[in-house]
């Protein structure tokens, strides 16, 4: 029986990249309420923009005719655009973001809350304990009584036998 510790089961599992990508997408799409803050990574900003959704816009187009048959023509154009552009996600100010709840999206901001300091922010460790030990070093092996590694206990091999 081996004294080695068995590895956890999760270290033995190999997940194909396509399955890992699908799992990440599934986990990100599950929450009904999403909060998006600034990101400077372009692909993530595009994903946030796509997650927030698109808006359908109807624009009235008016055309004027001059000449022998003067008049006006009206047409309705429908377009879909991202509700929030990726550049807007990248350019958000500190403490500002987007909240998506169901099919509703809102910009929001939140105040900075300064927490009281409960301890020092950085406790510097003295490095002299690593250089000079506070306890005396053990005696050298040659000086220790009954040491079997000293030359007087060395095993002599026959001349015709190689190590």
C-alpha atoms as a PDB file:
ATOM      1  CA  UNK A   1       0.000   0.000   0.000  1.00  0.00           C
ATOM      2  CA  UNK A   2       1.365   3.409  -0.954  1.00  0.00           C
ATOM      3  CA  UNK A   3       1.864   6.203   1.560  1.00  0.00           C
ATOM      4  CA  UNK A   4       1.115   8.816  -1.119  1.00  0.00           C
ATOM      5  CA  UNK A   5      -2.081  10.795  -0.687  1.00  0.00           C
ATOM      6  CA  UNK A   6      -4.741  10.054  -3.307  1.00  0.00           C
ATOM      7  CA  UNK A   7      -5.493  12.912  -5.662  1.00  0.00           C
ATOM      8  CA  UNK A   8      -8.942  14.507  -5.499  1.00  0.00           C
ATOM      9  CA  UNK A   9     -11.362  13.228  -8.120  1.00  0.00           C
ATOM     10  CA  UNK A  10     -11.619  16.642  -9.805  1.00  0.00           C
ATOM     11  CA  UNK A  11      -7.917  16.530 -10.719  1.00  0.00           C
ATOM     12  CA  UNK A  12      -8.404  13.298 -12.635  1.00  0.00           C
ATOM     13  CA  UNK A  13     -11.252  14.596 -14.820  1.00  0.00           C
ATOM     14  CA  UNK A  14     -10.396  15.903 -18.265  1.00  0.00           C
ATOM     15  CA  UNK A  15     -13.041  18.204 -19.751  1.00  0.00           C
ATOM     16  CA  UNK A  16     -12.964  18.888 -23.495  1.00  0.00           C
ATOM     17  CA  UNK A  17     -12.719  22.626 -24.298  1.00  0.00           C
ATOM     18  CA  UNK A  18     -16.080  22.653 -26.112  1.00  0.00           C
ATOM     19  CA  UNK A  19     -17.842  21.265 -23.018  1.00  0.00           C
ATOM     20  CA  UNK A  20     -16.043  23.763 -20.761  1.00  0.00           C
ATOM     21  CA  UNK A  21     -17.149  26.636 -23.025  1.00  0.00           C
ATOM     22  CA  UNK A  22     -20.762  25.424 -22.973  1.00  0.00           C
ATOM     23  CA  UNK A  23     -20.647  25.082 -19.163  1.00  0.00           C
ATOM     24  CA  UNK A  24     -19.320  28.648 -18.772  1.00  0.00           C
ATOM     25  CA  UNK A  25     -22.065  29.957 -21.066  1.00  0.00           C
ATOM     26  CA  UNK A  26     -24.698  28.021 -19.117  1.00  0.00           C
ATOM     27  CA  UNK A  27     -23.486  29.351 -15.755  1.00  0.00           C
ATOM     28  CA  UNK A  28     -23.372  32.955 -16.990  1.00  0.00           C
ATOM     29  CA  UNK A  29     -26.856  32.780 -18.483  1.00  0.00           C
ATOM     30  CA  UNK A  30     -28.623  31.369 -15.399  1.00  0.00           C
ATOM     31  CA  UNK A  31     -29.086  34.370 -13.071  1.00  0.00           C
ATOM     32  CA  UNK A  32     -32.302  36.333 -13.609  1.00  0.00           C
ATOM     33  CA  UNK A  33     -30.708  39.490 -12.184  1.00  0.00           C
ATOM     34  CA  UNK A  34     -27.375  40.559 -13.618  1.00  0.00           C
ATOM     35  CA  UNK A  35     -25.079  43.405 -12.642  1.00  0.00           C
ATOM     36  CA  UNK A  36     -22.508  44.565 -15.182  1.00  0.00           C
ATOM     37  CA  UNK A  37     -19.623  46.839 -14.218  1.00  0.00           C
ATOM     38  CA  UNK A  38     -16.796  48.266 -16.331  1.00  0.00           C
ATOM     39  CA  UNK A  39     -14.482  45.921 -18.178  1.00  0.00           C
ATOM     40  CA  UNK A  40     -11.629  46.885 -20.440  1.00  0.00           C
ATOM     41  CA  UNK A  41     -11.347  43.508 -22.154  1.00  0.00           C
ATOM     42  CA  UNK A  42     -12.995  43.867 -25.619  1.00  0.00           C
ATOM     43  CA  UNK A  43     -14.514  40.375 -25.901  1.00  0.00           C
ATOM     44  CA  UNK A  44     -16.070  40.620 -22.452  1.00  0.00           C
ATOM     45  CA  UNK A  45     -17.440  44.107 -23.239  1.00  0.00           C
ATOM     46  CA  UNK A  46     -19.050  42.674 -26.398  1.00  0.00           C
ATOM     47  CA  UNK A  47     -20.519  39.774 -24.381  1.00  0.00           C
ATOM     48  CA  UNK A  48     -21.964  42.252 -21.834  1.00  0.00           C
ATOM     49  CA  UNK A  49     -23.493  44.293 -24.666  1.00  0.00           C
ATOM     50  CA  UNK A  50     -25.046  41.165 -26.196  1.00  0.00           C
ATOM     51  CA  UNK A  51     -26.289  39.984 -22.774  1.00  0.00           C
ATOM     52  CA  UNK A  52     -28.042  43.279 -22.128  1.00  0.00           C
ATOM     53  CA  UNK A  53     -29.794  42.954 -25.455  1.00  0.00           C
ATOM     54  CA  UNK A  54     -30.911  44.950 -28.451  1.00  0.00           C
ATOM     55  CA  UNK A  55     -33.501  47.619 -29.013  1.00  0.00           C
ATOM     56  CA  UNK A  56     -35.772  47.937 -32.024  1.00  0.00           C
ATOM     57  CA  UNK A  57     -35.988  51.453 -33.396  1.00  0.00           C
ATOM     58  CA  UNK A  58     -38.617  52.761 -35.838  1.00  0.00           C
ATOM     59  CA  UNK A  59     -37.585  55.837 -37.804  1.00  0.00           C
ATOM     60  CA  UNK A  60     -39.784  57.860 -40.096  1.00  0.00           C
ATOM     61  CA  UNK A  61     -38.039  58.602 -43.372  1.00  0.00           C
ATOM     62  CA  UNK A  62     -39.294  61.554 -45.367  1.00  0.00           C
ATOM     63  CA  UNK A  63     -38.370  62.044 -49.009  1.00  0.00           C
ATOM     64  CA  UNK A  64     -38.978  65.317 -50.906  1.00  0.00           C
ATOM     65  CA  UNK A  65     -39.519  65.426 -54.657  1.00  0.00           C
ATOM     66  CA  UNK A  66     -38.958  68.602 -56.611  1.00  0.00           C
ATOM     67  CA  UNK A  67     -39.649  69.235 -60.244  1.00  0.00           C
ATOM     68  CA  UNK A  68     -42.665  68.453 -62.346  1.00  0.00           C
ATOM     69  CA  UNK A  69     -44.031  65.945 -59.806  1.00  0.00           C
ATOM     70  CA  UNK A  70     -43.174  67.613 -56.540  1.00  0.00           C
ATOM     71  CA  UNK A  71     -44.318  66.043 -53.329  1.00  0.00           C
ATOM     72  CA  UNK A  72     -43.333  64.104 -50.240  1.00  0.00           C
ATOM     73  CA  UNK A  73     -43.051  60.432 -49.474  1.00  0.00           C
ATOM     74  CA  UNK A  74     -42.976  58.885 -45.980  1.00  0.00           C
ATOM     75  CA  UNK A  75     -41.589  55.454 -45.101  1.00  0.00           C
ATOM     76  CA  UNK A  76     -41.057  53.662 -41.805  1.00  0.00           C
ATOM     77  CA  UNK A  77     -37.605  52.112 -41.244  1.00  0.00           C
ATOM     78  CA  UNK A  78     -37.063  49.488 -38.515  1.00  0.00           C
ATOM     79  CA  UNK A  79     -33.595  48.783 -37.183  1.00  0.00           C
ATOM     80  CA  UNK A  80     -32.185  46.830 -34.299  1.00  0.00           C
ATOM     81  CA  UNK A  81     -29.219  48.224 -32.384  1.00  0.00           C
ATOM     82  CA  UNK A  82     -27.486  47.178 -29.195  1.00  0.00           C
ATOM     83  CA  UNK A  83     -29.077  48.858 -26.197  1.00  0.00           C
ATOM     84  CA  UNK A  84     -25.589  49.361 -24.756  1.00  0.00           C
ATOM     85  CA  UNK A  85     -22.537  49.523 -26.996  1.00  0.00           C
ATOM     86  CA  UNK A  86     -19.373  47.640 -25.964  1.00  0.00           C
ATOM     87  CA  UNK A  87     -17.552  50.988 -25.859  1.00  0.00           C
ATOM     88  CA  UNK A  88     -20.082  52.204 -23.259  1.00  0.00           C
ATOM     89  CA  UNK A  89     -19.279  49.181 -21.061  1.00  0.00           C
ATOM     90  CA  UNK A  90     -15.535  49.879 -21.398  1.00  0.00           C
ATOM     91  CA  UNK A  91     -16.028  53.567 -20.631  1.00  0.00           C
ATOM     92  CA  UNK A  92     -18.163  53.280 -17.489  1.00  0.00           C
ATOM     93  CA  UNK A  93     -17.096  55.462 -14.582  1.00  0.00           C
ATOM     94  CA  UNK A  94     -16.132  54.049 -11.208  1.00  0.00           C
ATOM     95  CA  UNK A  95     -19.053  52.868  -9.061  1.00  0.00           C
ATOM     96  CA  UNK A  96     -21.425  52.836 -12.038  1.00  0.00           C
ATOM     97  CA  UNK A  97     -22.906  49.952 -13.992  1.00  0.00           C
ATOM     98  CA  UNK A  98     -25.933  48.346 -15.592  1.00  0.00           C
ATOM     99  CA  UNK A  99     -28.585  46.259 -13.873  1.00  0.00           C
ATOM    100  CA  UNK A 100     -30.592  43.780 -15.924  1.00  0.00           C
ATOM    101  CA  UNK A 101     -33.631  42.239 -14.304  1.00  0.00           C
ATOM    102  CA  UNK A 102     -35.635  40.068 -16.668  1.00  0.00           C
ATOM    103  CA  UNK A 103     -36.183  42.219 -19.735  1.00  0.00           C
ATOM    104  CA  UNK A 104     -35.618  45.538 -17.926  1.00  0.00           C
ATOM    105  CA  UNK A 105     -32.270  47.345 -17.985  1.00  0.00           C
ATOM    106  CA  UNK A 106     -31.255  50.339 -15.883  1.00  0.00           C
ATOM    107  CA  UNK A 107     -28.114  52.339 -15.310  1.00  0.00           C
ATOM    108  CA  UNK A 108     -27.201  52.595 -11.660  1.00  0.00           C
ATOM    109  CA  UNK A 109     -24.533  53.929  -9.356  1.00  0.00           C
ATOM    110  CA  UNK A 110     -23.671  53.085  -5.806  1.00  0.00           C
ATOM    111  CA  UNK A 111     -21.851  55.034  -3.105  1.00  0.00           C
ATOM    112  CA  UNK A 112     -18.371  54.239  -1.876  1.00  0.00           C
ATOM    113  CA  UNK A 113     -18.532  52.827   1.635  1.00  0.00           C
ATOM    114  CA  UNK A 114     -15.316  53.259   3.587  1.00  0.00           C
ATOM    115  CA  UNK A 115     -14.876  50.412   6.031  1.00  0.00           C
ATOM    116  CA  UNK A 116     -13.301  51.021   9.401  1.00  0.00           C
ATOM    117  CA  UNK A 117      -9.785  49.690   9.718  1.00  0.00           C
ATOM    118  CA  UNK A 118      -9.685  46.752  12.108  1.00  0.00           C
ATOM    119  CA  UNK A 119      -5.981  46.102  11.913  1.00  0.00           C
ATOM    120  CA  UNK A 120      -2.849  47.326  10.206  1.00  0.00           C
ATOM    121  CA  UNK A 121      -3.092  47.254   6.453  1.00  0.00           C
ATOM    122  CA  UNK A 122       0.352  45.687   6.106  1.00  0.00           C
ATOM    123  CA  UNK A 123       2.339  43.940   8.800  1.00  0.00           C
ATOM    124  CA  UNK A 124       5.936  43.797   7.667  1.00  0.00           C
ATOM    125  CA  UNK A 125       7.716  40.607   8.627  1.00  0.00           C
ATOM    126  CA  UNK A 126      11.312  40.857   9.774  1.00  0.00           C
ATOM    127  CA  UNK A 127      13.548  38.918   7.441  1.00  0.00           C
ATOM    128  CA  UNK A 128      16.367  38.397   9.967  1.00  0.00           C
ATOM    129  CA  UNK A 129      14.622  35.285  11.308  1.00  0.00           C
ATOM    130  CA  UNK A 130      15.206  33.658   7.931  1.00  0.00           C
ATOM    131  CA  UNK A 131      18.883  34.570   7.777  1.00  0.00           C
ATOM    132  CA  UNK A 132      20.009  33.923  11.334  1.00  0.00           C
ATOM    133  CA  UNK A 133      17.973  31.292  13.194  1.00  0.00           C
ATOM    134  CA  UNK A 134      16.985  32.153  16.734  1.00  0.00           C
ATOM    135  CA  UNK A 135      17.754  28.603  17.942  1.00  0.00           C
ATOM    136  CA  UNK A 136      21.279  27.141  17.725  1.00  0.00           C
ATOM    137  CA  UNK A 137      21.980  24.828  14.842  1.00  0.00           C
ATOM    138  CA  UNK A 138      22.432  21.107  15.626  1.00  0.00           C
ATOM    139  CA  UNK A 139      25.961  19.770  15.829  1.00  0.00           C
ATOM    140  CA  UNK A 140      27.735  18.703  12.665  1.00  0.00           C
ATOM    141  CA  UNK A 141      27.326  14.979  11.818  1.00  0.00           C
ATOM    142  CA  UNK A 142      31.021  14.205  12.510  1.00  0.00           C
ATOM    143  CA  UNK A 143      30.689  15.612  16.023  1.00  0.00           C
ATOM    144  CA  UNK A 144      27.601  13.623  16.969  1.00  0.00           C
ATOM    145  CA  UNK A 145      28.273  10.489  19.037  1.00  0.00           C
ATOM    146  CA  UNK A 146      27.288   7.187  17.452  1.00  0.00           C
ATOM    147  CA  UNK A 147      27.028   8.583  13.938  1.00  0.00           C
ATOM    148  CA  UNK A 148      27.103   5.692  11.476  1.00  0.00           C
ATOM    149  CA  UNK A 149      27.892   7.997   8.523  1.00  0.00           C
ATOM    150  CA  UNK A 150      31.410   8.819   9.660  1.00  0.00           C
ATOM    151  CA  UNK A 151      34.351   7.351   7.706  1.00  0.00           C
ATOM    152  CA  UNK A 152      35.212   4.781  10.400  1.00  0.00           C
ATOM    153  CA  UNK A 153      31.868   3.017   9.737  1.00  0.00           C
ATOM    154  CA  UNK A 154      32.133   3.174   5.931  1.00  0.00           C
ATOM    155  CA  UNK A 155      31.578  -0.142   4.177  1.00  0.00           C
ATOM    156  CA  UNK A 156      34.504  -1.233   2.052  1.00  0.00           C
ATOM    157  CA  UNK A 157      33.509  -2.861  -1.238  1.00  0.00           C
ATOM    158  CA  UNK A 158      35.671  -5.622  -2.728  1.00  0.00           C
ATOM    159  CA  UNK A 159      37.920  -4.339  -5.503  1.00  0.00           C
ATOM    160  CA  UNK A 160      36.256  -6.461  -8.204  1.00  0.00           C
ATOM    161  CA  UNK A 161      32.703  -5.255  -7.311  1.00  0.00           C
ATOM    162  CA  UNK A 162      31.464  -1.990  -8.758  1.00  0.00           C
ATOM    163  CA  UNK A 163      29.151   0.303  -6.935  1.00  0.00           C
END
